[in-house]
């Protein structure tokens, strides 16, 4: 019930001695009972918890026994914006099957549409290393296929080569 009304759940004016009502409905796991505020505070103290008014608009106001620090921490923890990784990476082999290539390119396309920069690696194995010009051509074909879906996709920098792979970055121009 606390999570439903977050404005009240963050308001410490409805906590322990700050509760402005003379009688409250104390809701616990196994029972509900109407008590005076002093009696409800005594029960909270005995349990080592806080008395928190979760529904002050109801007559009598509904209160629960909770660990307010723990509850407040959980609420604030969920508010922090999650840091989105703005860079993704996808690897291909030179001899990738067409269906697999299509699936991977669709995933890359989604990443680009969401605003991420994507690093693509074309890995060379064995005799493929002897013909880097063919692998570079495959890189160009991948770039063209992605640009056919969206003309805003750009190559960042150039296609770079390491001894066993080619790699390049793509991003969506805004």
N, C-alpha and C. Protein backbone atom coordinates (compact mmCIF):
# COMPACT_ATOMS: atom_id res chain seq x y z
N UNK A 1 0.83 -1.18 0.00
CA UNK A 1 0.00 0.00 0.00
C UNK A 1 0.88 1.26 0.00
N UNK A 2 2.03 1.18 0.61
CA UNK A 2 2.93 2.34 0.67
C UNK A 2 3.41 2.69 -0.72
N UNK A 3 3.74 1.70 -1.53
CA UNK A 3 4.29 1.95 -2.85
C UNK A 3 3.27 2.63 -3.77
N UNK A 4 1.98 2.42 -3.53
CA UNK A 4 0.96 2.98 -4.40
C UNK A 4 0.90 4.50 -4.28
N UNK A 5 1.09 5.02 -3.07
CA UNK A 5 0.98 6.45 -2.87
C UNK A 5 2.34 6.98 -2.45
N UNK A 6 3.22 7.19 -3.41
CA UNK A 6 4.61 7.54 -3.13
C UNK A 6 4.74 8.93 -2.52
N UNK A 7 3.80 9.84 -2.79
CA UNK A 7 3.89 11.17 -2.21
C UNK A 7 3.77 11.08 -0.70
N UNK A 8 2.83 10.29 -0.22
CA UNK A 8 2.67 10.09 1.21
C UNK A 8 3.82 9.25 1.75
N UNK A 9 4.28 8.27 0.98
CA UNK A 9 5.34 7.38 1.44
C UNK A 9 6.64 8.12 1.69
N UNK A 10 6.86 9.26 1.05
CA UNK A 10 8.08 10.04 1.26
C UNK A 10 7.90 11.10 2.32
N UNK A 11 6.69 11.30 2.82
CA UNK A 11 6.40 12.38 3.75
C UNK A 11 6.63 11.93 5.18
N UNK A 12 7.68 12.46 5.81
CA UNK A 12 8.00 12.06 7.19
C UNK A 12 7.09 12.75 8.20
N UNK A 13 6.15 13.61 7.75
CA UNK A 13 5.22 14.23 8.69
C UNK A 13 4.18 13.22 9.18
N UNK A 14 4.13 12.07 8.57
CA UNK A 14 3.23 11.01 9.00
C UNK A 14 4.02 9.86 9.63
N UNK A 15 5.06 10.20 10.38
CA UNK A 15 5.94 9.21 10.98
C UNK A 15 6.00 9.42 12.49
N UNK A 16 5.82 8.35 13.24
CA UNK A 16 5.92 8.31 14.71
C UNK A 16 5.17 9.45 15.39
N UNK A 17 5.85 10.28 16.16
CA UNK A 17 5.20 11.33 16.96
C UNK A 17 4.63 12.46 16.12
N UNK A 18 4.97 12.49 14.83
CA UNK A 18 4.44 13.54 13.95
C UNK A 18 3.04 13.23 13.43
N UNK A 19 2.50 12.08 13.73
CA UNK A 19 1.16 11.71 13.24
C UNK A 19 0.14 12.54 14.00
N UNK A 20 -0.66 13.35 13.29
CA UNK A 20 -1.55 14.31 13.97
C UNK A 20 -2.93 13.78 14.34
N UNK A 21 -3.10 12.48 14.48
CA UNK A 21 -4.42 11.91 14.76
C UNK A 21 -4.45 11.32 16.16
N UNK A 22 -5.66 11.27 16.76
CA UNK A 22 -5.77 10.71 18.12
C UNK A 22 -5.98 9.20 18.08
N UNK A 23 -6.64 8.71 17.04
CA UNK A 23 -6.84 7.27 16.89
C UNK A 23 -6.43 6.85 15.49
N UNK A 24 -5.87 5.62 15.38
CA UNK A 24 -5.44 5.09 14.09
C UNK A 24 -5.84 3.63 13.97
N UNK A 25 -5.95 3.17 12.74
CA UNK A 25 -6.17 1.76 12.47
C UNK A 25 -4.81 1.14 12.23
N UNK A 26 -4.34 0.33 13.14
CA UNK A 26 -3.02 -0.30 13.03
C UNK A 26 -3.18 -1.62 12.29
N UNK A 27 -2.53 -1.71 11.14
CA UNK A 27 -2.60 -2.91 10.31
C UNK A 27 -1.28 -3.64 10.43
N UNK A 28 -1.36 -4.90 10.88
CA UNK A 28 -0.17 -5.73 10.93
C UNK A 28 -0.42 -6.97 10.10
N UNK A 29 0.54 -7.87 10.08
CA UNK A 29 0.43 -9.05 9.20
C UNK A 29 -0.79 -9.90 9.51
N UNK A 30 -1.14 -10.01 10.80
CA UNK A 30 -2.22 -10.94 11.15
C UNK A 30 -3.49 -10.28 11.66
N UNK A 31 -3.48 -8.96 11.94
CA UNK A 31 -4.71 -8.35 12.44
C UNK A 31 -4.78 -6.85 12.16
N UNK A 32 -6.01 -6.33 12.29
CA UNK A 32 -6.28 -4.91 12.16
C UNK A 32 -7.01 -4.50 13.43
N UNK A 33 -6.56 -3.37 14.03
CA UNK A 33 -7.25 -2.91 15.23
C UNK A 33 -7.14 -1.39 15.36
N UNK A 34 -8.19 -0.80 15.91
CA UNK A 34 -8.21 0.64 16.13
C UNK A 34 -7.62 0.89 17.51
N UNK A 35 -6.58 1.75 17.53
CA UNK A 35 -5.88 2.06 18.78
C UNK A 35 -5.71 3.56 18.92
N UNK A 36 -5.44 3.98 20.16
CA UNK A 36 -5.06 5.38 20.34
C UNK A 36 -3.65 5.55 19.78
N UNK A 37 -3.28 6.77 19.46
CA UNK A 37 -1.96 7.02 18.87
C UNK A 37 -0.86 6.63 19.85
N UNK A 38 -1.09 6.87 21.15
CA UNK A 38 -0.08 6.54 22.15
C UNK A 38 0.14 5.03 22.24
N UNK A 39 -0.93 4.27 22.18
CA UNK A 39 -0.83 2.82 22.24
C UNK A 39 -0.12 2.27 20.99
N UNK A 40 -0.44 2.85 19.84
CA UNK A 40 0.21 2.43 18.59
C UNK A 40 1.70 2.74 18.63
N UNK A 41 2.06 3.92 19.19
CA UNK A 41 3.48 4.28 19.32
C UNK A 41 4.21 3.33 20.27
N UNK A 42 3.53 2.92 21.34
CA UNK A 42 4.14 1.96 22.28
C UNK A 42 4.41 0.62 21.60
N UNK A 43 3.47 0.17 20.79
CA UNK A 43 3.67 -1.10 20.05
C UNK A 43 4.84 -0.99 19.07
N UNK A 44 4.95 0.15 18.41
CA UNK A 44 6.06 0.36 17.48
C UNK A 44 7.39 0.32 18.23
N UNK A 45 7.42 0.97 19.40
CA UNK A 45 8.65 1.01 20.19
C UNK A 45 9.04 -0.39 20.66
N UNK A 46 8.05 -1.18 21.09
CA UNK A 46 8.30 -2.56 21.54
C UNK A 46 8.86 -3.42 20.40
N UNK A 47 8.34 -3.20 19.18
CA UNK A 47 8.78 -3.99 18.03
C UNK A 47 10.08 -3.46 17.43
N UNK A 48 10.54 -2.30 17.88
CA UNK A 48 11.76 -1.71 17.34
C UNK A 48 11.56 -1.17 15.93
N UNK A 49 10.33 -0.77 15.61
CA UNK A 49 10.00 -0.25 14.28
C UNK A 49 9.41 1.14 14.39
N UNK A 50 9.09 1.72 13.25
CA UNK A 50 8.47 3.05 13.20
C UNK A 50 6.99 2.90 12.89
N UNK A 51 6.18 3.80 13.46
CA UNK A 51 4.76 3.86 13.14
C UNK A 51 4.62 4.84 11.98
N UNK A 52 4.07 4.36 10.88
CA UNK A 52 3.98 5.19 9.68
C UNK A 52 2.54 5.19 9.20
N UNK A 53 1.99 6.38 8.94
CA UNK A 53 0.62 6.53 8.47
C UNK A 53 0.62 6.42 6.94
N UNK A 54 0.05 5.33 6.43
CA UNK A 54 0.06 5.08 4.98
C UNK A 54 -1.18 5.62 4.28
N UNK A 55 -2.24 5.87 5.04
CA UNK A 55 -3.47 6.39 4.43
C UNK A 55 -4.11 7.40 5.39
N UNK A 56 -3.60 8.63 5.42
CA UNK A 56 -4.15 9.61 6.36
C UNK A 56 -5.53 10.14 5.97
N UNK A 57 -5.93 9.96 4.72
CA UNK A 57 -7.21 10.49 4.25
C UNK A 57 -8.40 9.64 4.67
N UNK A 58 -8.16 8.43 5.15
CA UNK A 58 -9.23 7.51 5.55
C UNK A 58 -9.55 7.76 7.02
N UNK A 59 -10.79 7.47 7.42
CA UNK A 59 -11.18 7.63 8.82
C UNK A 59 -11.47 6.27 9.42
N UNK A 60 -10.77 5.78 10.39
CA UNK A 60 -9.56 6.29 11.02
C UNK A 60 -8.36 6.07 10.10
N UNK A 61 -7.35 6.92 10.23
CA UNK A 61 -6.16 6.81 9.38
C UNK A 61 -5.47 5.45 9.58
N UNK A 62 -4.95 4.90 8.47
CA UNK A 62 -4.32 3.58 8.50
C UNK A 62 -2.82 3.74 8.74
N UNK A 63 -2.31 2.99 9.71
CA UNK A 63 -0.88 3.02 10.03
C UNK A 63 -0.30 1.61 9.99
N UNK A 64 1.00 1.56 9.72
CA UNK A 64 1.73 0.29 9.71
C UNK A 64 3.00 0.45 10.51
N UNK A 65 3.51 -0.69 10.95
CA UNK A 65 4.81 -0.72 11.62
C UNK A 65 5.84 -1.11 10.57
N UNK A 66 6.78 -0.19 10.29
CA UNK A 66 7.80 -0.46 9.28
C UNK A 66 9.15 0.04 9.77
N UNK A 67 10.20 -0.39 9.10
CA UNK A 67 11.54 0.18 9.29
C UNK A 67 11.63 1.31 8.27
N UNK A 68 11.41 2.55 8.73
CA UNK A 68 11.29 3.68 7.80
C UNK A 68 12.59 3.95 7.05
N UNK A 69 13.74 3.81 7.70
CA UNK A 69 15.01 4.05 7.01
C UNK A 69 15.19 3.09 5.86
N UNK A 70 14.88 1.83 6.09
CA UNK A 70 14.99 0.82 5.04
C UNK A 70 14.02 1.12 3.91
N UNK A 71 12.80 1.48 4.27
CA UNK A 71 11.77 1.80 3.27
C UNK A 71 12.17 3.03 2.45
N UNK A 72 12.65 4.07 3.11
CA UNK A 72 13.06 5.30 2.44
C UNK A 72 14.24 5.03 1.51
N UNK A 73 15.18 4.19 1.94
CA UNK A 73 16.33 3.81 1.11
C UNK A 73 15.86 3.12 -0.16
N UNK A 74 14.92 2.18 -0.03
CA UNK A 74 14.41 1.46 -1.21
C UNK A 74 13.72 2.40 -2.19
N UNK A 75 12.96 3.36 -1.67
CA UNK A 75 12.28 4.31 -2.55
C UNK A 75 13.29 5.17 -3.31
N UNK A 76 14.31 5.66 -2.62
CA UNK A 76 15.30 6.51 -3.26
C UNK A 76 16.22 5.72 -4.18
N UNK A 77 16.45 4.47 -3.87
CA UNK A 77 17.29 3.62 -4.72
C UNK A 77 16.64 3.46 -6.09
N UNK A 78 15.33 3.32 -6.12
CA UNK A 78 14.62 3.14 -7.39
C UNK A 78 14.55 4.42 -8.20
N UNK A 79 14.75 5.58 -7.57
CA UNK A 79 14.66 6.86 -8.27
C UNK A 79 15.90 7.19 -9.07
N UNK A 80 17.05 6.62 -8.70
CA UNK A 80 18.29 6.95 -9.38
C UNK A 80 18.21 6.51 -10.83
N UNK A 81 18.55 7.40 -11.75
CA UNK A 81 18.49 7.00 -13.17
C UNK A 81 19.58 5.98 -13.46
N UNK A 82 19.20 4.98 -14.20
CA UNK A 82 20.17 3.95 -14.57
C UNK A 82 21.04 4.48 -15.70
N UNK A 83 22.31 4.25 -15.55
CA UNK A 83 23.24 4.72 -16.55
C UNK A 83 23.18 3.76 -17.73
N UNK A 84 22.84 4.29 -18.87
CA UNK A 84 22.73 3.45 -20.06
C UNK A 84 24.07 3.42 -20.77
N UNK A 85 24.46 2.23 -21.15
CA UNK A 85 25.72 2.07 -21.86
C UNK A 85 25.54 2.64 -23.26
N UNK A 86 26.31 3.67 -23.58
CA UNK A 86 26.13 4.32 -24.87
C UNK A 86 26.98 3.69 -25.97
N UNK A 87 27.72 2.64 -25.62
CA UNK A 87 28.54 1.96 -26.62
C UNK A 87 28.28 0.47 -26.57
N UNK A 88 28.00 -0.11 -27.71
CA UNK A 88 27.74 -1.56 -27.81
C UNK A 88 28.78 -2.15 -28.75
N UNK A 89 28.89 -3.48 -28.69
CA UNK A 89 29.89 -4.15 -29.52
C UNK A 89 29.30 -5.43 -30.09
N UNK A 90 29.62 -5.70 -31.37
CA UNK A 90 29.14 -6.92 -32.04
C UNK A 90 30.28 -7.48 -32.87
N UNK A 91 30.47 -8.78 -32.78
CA UNK A 91 31.52 -9.44 -33.54
C UNK A 91 30.95 -10.34 -34.62
N UNK A 92 31.66 -10.43 -35.74
CA UNK A 92 31.27 -11.27 -36.87
C UNK A 92 32.49 -12.06 -37.30
N UNK A 93 32.26 -13.22 -37.87
CA UNK A 93 33.35 -13.90 -38.56
C UNK A 93 33.16 -13.64 -40.05
N UNK A 94 34.21 -13.77 -40.80
CA UNK A 94 34.13 -13.49 -42.24
C UNK A 94 33.17 -14.44 -42.93
N UNK A 95 33.15 -15.69 -42.52
CA UNK A 95 32.31 -16.70 -43.17
C UNK A 95 30.94 -16.87 -42.49
N UNK A 96 30.40 -15.80 -41.97
CA UNK A 96 29.10 -15.87 -41.29
C UNK A 96 28.00 -16.18 -42.31
N UNK A 97 27.07 -17.02 -41.92
CA UNK A 97 25.94 -17.36 -42.79
C UNK A 97 25.02 -16.15 -42.93
N UNK A 98 24.31 -16.09 -44.02
CA UNK A 98 23.45 -14.93 -44.34
C UNK A 98 22.38 -14.71 -43.28
N UNK A 99 21.76 -15.79 -42.81
CA UNK A 99 20.70 -15.67 -41.79
C UNK A 99 21.27 -15.10 -40.49
N UNK A 100 22.44 -15.60 -40.08
CA UNK A 100 23.07 -15.12 -38.86
C UNK A 100 23.47 -13.65 -39.01
N UNK A 101 23.99 -13.31 -40.16
CA UNK A 101 24.38 -11.93 -40.43
C UNK A 101 23.15 -11.01 -40.36
N UNK A 102 22.06 -11.44 -40.95
CA UNK A 102 20.84 -10.65 -40.95
C UNK A 102 20.35 -10.42 -39.51
N UNK A 103 20.39 -11.46 -38.69
CA UNK A 103 19.95 -11.35 -37.30
C UNK A 103 20.83 -10.38 -36.52
N UNK A 104 22.14 -10.49 -36.70
CA UNK A 104 23.06 -9.60 -35.99
C UNK A 104 22.91 -8.16 -36.46
N UNK A 105 22.70 -7.97 -37.76
CA UNK A 105 22.53 -6.61 -38.27
C UNK A 105 21.23 -5.97 -37.77
N UNK A 106 20.19 -6.77 -37.58
CA UNK A 106 18.94 -6.25 -37.02
C UNK A 106 19.17 -5.75 -35.59
N UNK A 107 19.95 -6.52 -34.82
CA UNK A 107 20.26 -6.12 -33.45
C UNK A 107 21.10 -4.84 -33.45
N UNK A 108 22.07 -4.75 -34.33
CA UNK A 108 22.90 -3.55 -34.45
C UNK A 108 22.02 -2.37 -34.84
N UNK A 109 21.08 -2.58 -35.75
CA UNK A 109 20.16 -1.53 -36.19
C UNK A 109 19.36 -0.99 -35.00
N UNK A 110 18.87 -1.89 -34.14
CA UNK A 110 18.10 -1.45 -32.97
C UNK A 110 18.98 -0.62 -32.04
N UNK A 111 20.22 -1.05 -31.83
CA UNK A 111 21.13 -0.30 -30.97
C UNK A 111 21.37 1.10 -31.54
N UNK A 112 21.56 1.16 -32.85
CA UNK A 112 21.80 2.46 -33.49
C UNK A 112 20.58 3.36 -33.37
N UNK A 113 19.39 2.80 -33.53
CA UNK A 113 18.15 3.56 -33.42
C UNK A 113 17.96 4.10 -32.01
N UNK A 114 18.44 3.34 -31.00
CA UNK A 114 18.29 3.80 -29.62
C UNK A 114 19.34 4.85 -29.25
N UNK A 115 20.25 5.15 -30.16
CA UNK A 115 21.22 6.20 -29.91
C UNK A 115 22.59 5.72 -29.47
N UNK A 116 22.81 4.43 -29.41
CA UNK A 116 24.10 3.90 -28.99
C UNK A 116 25.09 3.93 -30.15
N UNK A 117 26.36 4.05 -29.81
CA UNK A 117 27.41 3.90 -30.81
C UNK A 117 27.76 2.41 -30.80
N UNK A 118 28.00 1.84 -31.97
CA UNK A 118 28.23 0.40 -32.07
C UNK A 118 29.61 0.14 -32.68
N UNK A 119 30.38 -0.70 -32.01
CA UNK A 119 31.67 -1.13 -32.55
C UNK A 119 31.46 -2.50 -33.18
N UNK A 120 31.84 -2.63 -34.45
CA UNK A 120 31.70 -3.89 -35.16
C UNK A 120 33.09 -4.47 -35.41
N UNK A 121 33.25 -5.74 -35.08
CA UNK A 121 34.51 -6.45 -35.29
C UNK A 121 34.31 -7.54 -36.33
N UNK A 122 35.15 -7.60 -37.34
CA UNK A 122 35.16 -8.70 -38.30
C UNK A 122 36.43 -9.48 -38.05
N UNK A 123 36.27 -10.68 -37.55
CA UNK A 123 37.41 -11.48 -37.12
C UNK A 123 37.87 -12.37 -38.27
N UNK A 124 39.18 -12.42 -38.48
CA UNK A 124 39.77 -13.26 -39.53
C UNK A 124 40.44 -14.46 -38.87
N UNK A 125 40.21 -15.63 -39.46
CA UNK A 125 40.78 -16.86 -38.94
C UNK A 125 41.52 -17.59 -40.07
N UNK A 126 42.66 -18.13 -39.74
CA UNK A 126 43.40 -18.96 -40.70
C UNK A 126 43.78 -18.23 -41.97
N UNK A 127 43.40 -18.82 -43.14
CA UNK A 127 43.79 -18.28 -44.45
C UNK A 127 43.12 -16.96 -44.78
N UNK A 128 42.09 -16.59 -44.03
CA UNK A 128 41.43 -15.30 -44.25
C UNK A 128 42.41 -14.15 -44.02
N UNK A 129 43.38 -14.36 -43.13
CA UNK A 129 44.37 -13.33 -42.81
C UNK A 129 45.25 -12.99 -44.00
N UNK A 130 45.35 -13.92 -44.96
CA UNK A 130 46.17 -13.69 -46.15
C UNK A 130 45.48 -12.76 -47.16
N UNK A 131 44.14 -12.56 -46.99
CA UNK A 131 43.39 -11.72 -47.95
C UNK A 131 42.60 -10.64 -47.20
N UNK A 132 43.31 -9.70 -46.60
CA UNK A 132 42.60 -8.66 -45.84
C UNK A 132 41.73 -7.76 -46.72
N UNK A 133 42.06 -7.64 -48.00
CA UNK A 133 41.26 -6.78 -48.88
C UNK A 133 39.84 -7.33 -49.04
N UNK A 134 39.67 -8.67 -49.00
CA UNK A 134 38.35 -9.28 -49.11
C UNK A 134 37.54 -9.00 -47.84
N UNK A 135 38.22 -9.05 -46.70
CA UNK A 135 37.54 -8.79 -45.42
C UNK A 135 37.15 -7.32 -45.33
N UNK A 136 38.02 -6.42 -45.82
CA UNK A 136 37.70 -4.99 -45.83
C UNK A 136 36.47 -4.73 -46.71
N UNK A 137 36.37 -5.45 -47.82
CA UNK A 137 35.21 -5.33 -48.70
C UNK A 137 33.94 -5.80 -47.99
N UNK A 138 34.06 -6.86 -47.20
CA UNK A 138 32.91 -7.36 -46.41
C UNK A 138 32.47 -6.30 -45.40
N UNK A 139 33.44 -5.59 -44.80
CA UNK A 139 33.12 -4.49 -43.88
C UNK A 139 32.31 -3.41 -44.60
N UNK A 140 32.75 -3.06 -45.81
CA UNK A 140 32.04 -2.05 -46.59
C UNK A 140 30.61 -2.51 -46.90
N UNK A 141 30.44 -3.79 -47.21
CA UNK A 141 29.10 -4.33 -47.51
C UNK A 141 28.19 -4.23 -46.28
N UNK A 142 28.75 -4.52 -45.10
CA UNK A 142 27.96 -4.43 -43.86
C UNK A 142 27.52 -2.99 -43.62
N UNK A 143 28.44 -2.05 -43.82
CA UNK A 143 28.11 -0.64 -43.64
C UNK A 143 27.01 -0.22 -44.62
N UNK A 144 27.13 -0.63 -45.86
CA UNK A 144 26.13 -0.28 -46.87
C UNK A 144 24.77 -0.88 -46.53
N UNK A 145 24.75 -2.12 -46.06
CA UNK A 145 23.48 -2.76 -45.70
C UNK A 145 22.79 -1.99 -44.57
N UNK A 146 23.57 -1.56 -43.59
CA UNK A 146 22.99 -0.80 -42.49
C UNK A 146 22.52 0.59 -42.95
N UNK A 147 23.27 1.20 -43.86
CA UNK A 147 22.89 2.52 -44.36
C UNK A 147 21.66 2.44 -45.26
N UNK A 148 21.41 1.29 -45.87
CA UNK A 148 20.19 1.12 -46.68
C UNK A 148 18.94 1.19 -45.81
N UNK A 149 19.05 0.72 -44.54
CA UNK A 149 17.91 0.78 -43.62
C UNK A 149 17.68 2.19 -43.11
N UNK A 150 18.76 2.92 -42.90
CA UNK A 150 18.65 4.29 -42.40
C UNK A 150 19.80 5.12 -42.96
N UNK A 151 19.46 6.19 -43.63
CA UNK A 151 20.49 7.02 -44.26
C UNK A 151 21.27 7.84 -43.24
N UNK A 152 20.81 7.87 -41.99
CA UNK A 152 21.48 8.67 -40.97
C UNK A 152 22.64 7.93 -40.30
N UNK A 153 22.86 6.69 -40.65
CA UNK A 153 23.94 5.92 -40.04
C UNK A 153 25.26 6.32 -40.67
N UNK A 154 26.23 6.65 -39.82
CA UNK A 154 27.52 7.15 -40.28
C UNK A 154 28.65 6.28 -39.72
N UNK A 155 29.72 6.20 -40.46
CA UNK A 155 30.96 5.55 -40.03
C UNK A 155 31.76 6.58 -39.25
N UNK A 156 32.15 6.24 -38.03
CA UNK A 156 32.97 7.15 -37.23
C UNK A 156 34.43 6.78 -37.46
N UNK A 157 35.19 7.69 -38.00
CA UNK A 157 36.59 7.40 -38.31
C UNK A 157 36.67 6.56 -39.56
N UNK A 158 37.55 5.57 -39.53
CA UNK A 158 37.71 4.70 -40.70
C UNK A 158 37.73 3.25 -40.23
N UNK A 159 37.77 2.35 -41.19
CA UNK A 159 37.88 0.93 -40.86
C UNK A 159 39.33 0.67 -40.46
N UNK A 160 39.51 0.17 -39.26
CA UNK A 160 40.87 -0.07 -38.74
C UNK A 160 41.19 -1.55 -38.79
N UNK A 161 42.48 -1.85 -38.89
CA UNK A 161 42.89 -3.25 -39.01
C UNK A 161 43.89 -3.61 -37.92
N UNK A 162 43.66 -4.76 -37.31
CA UNK A 162 44.62 -5.40 -36.41
C UNK A 162 45.07 -6.68 -37.10
N UNK A 163 46.05 -7.38 -36.58
CA UNK A 163 46.51 -8.60 -37.27
C UNK A 163 45.43 -9.63 -37.56
N UNK A 164 44.45 -9.77 -36.65
CA UNK A 164 43.45 -10.81 -36.88
C UNK A 164 42.01 -10.29 -37.00
N UNK A 165 41.84 -8.96 -37.05
CA UNK A 165 40.47 -8.45 -37.21
C UNK A 165 40.45 -7.03 -37.76
N UNK A 166 39.30 -6.70 -38.34
CA UNK A 166 39.00 -5.34 -38.75
C UNK A 166 37.93 -4.84 -37.78
N UNK A 167 37.98 -3.57 -37.45
CA UNK A 167 36.94 -3.01 -36.59
C UNK A 167 36.65 -1.57 -36.97
N UNK A 168 35.40 -1.18 -36.70
CA UNK A 168 34.96 0.18 -37.01
C UNK A 168 33.76 0.52 -36.13
N UNK A 169 33.51 1.83 -36.00
CA UNK A 169 32.40 2.32 -35.21
C UNK A 169 31.33 2.91 -36.13
N UNK A 170 30.09 2.66 -35.75
CA UNK A 170 28.95 3.27 -36.44
C UNK A 170 28.10 4.02 -35.41
N UNK A 171 27.48 5.09 -35.86
CA UNK A 171 26.55 5.82 -35.01
C UNK A 171 25.45 6.43 -35.86
N UNK A 172 24.39 6.84 -35.21
CA UNK A 172 23.27 7.46 -35.93
C UNK A 172 23.40 8.96 -35.79
N UNK A 173 23.45 9.64 -36.92
CA UNK A 173 23.53 11.09 -36.95
C UNK A 173 22.20 11.67 -36.52
N UNK A 174 22.26 12.69 -35.66
CA UNK A 174 21.01 13.29 -35.15
C UNK A 174 20.54 14.43 -35.99
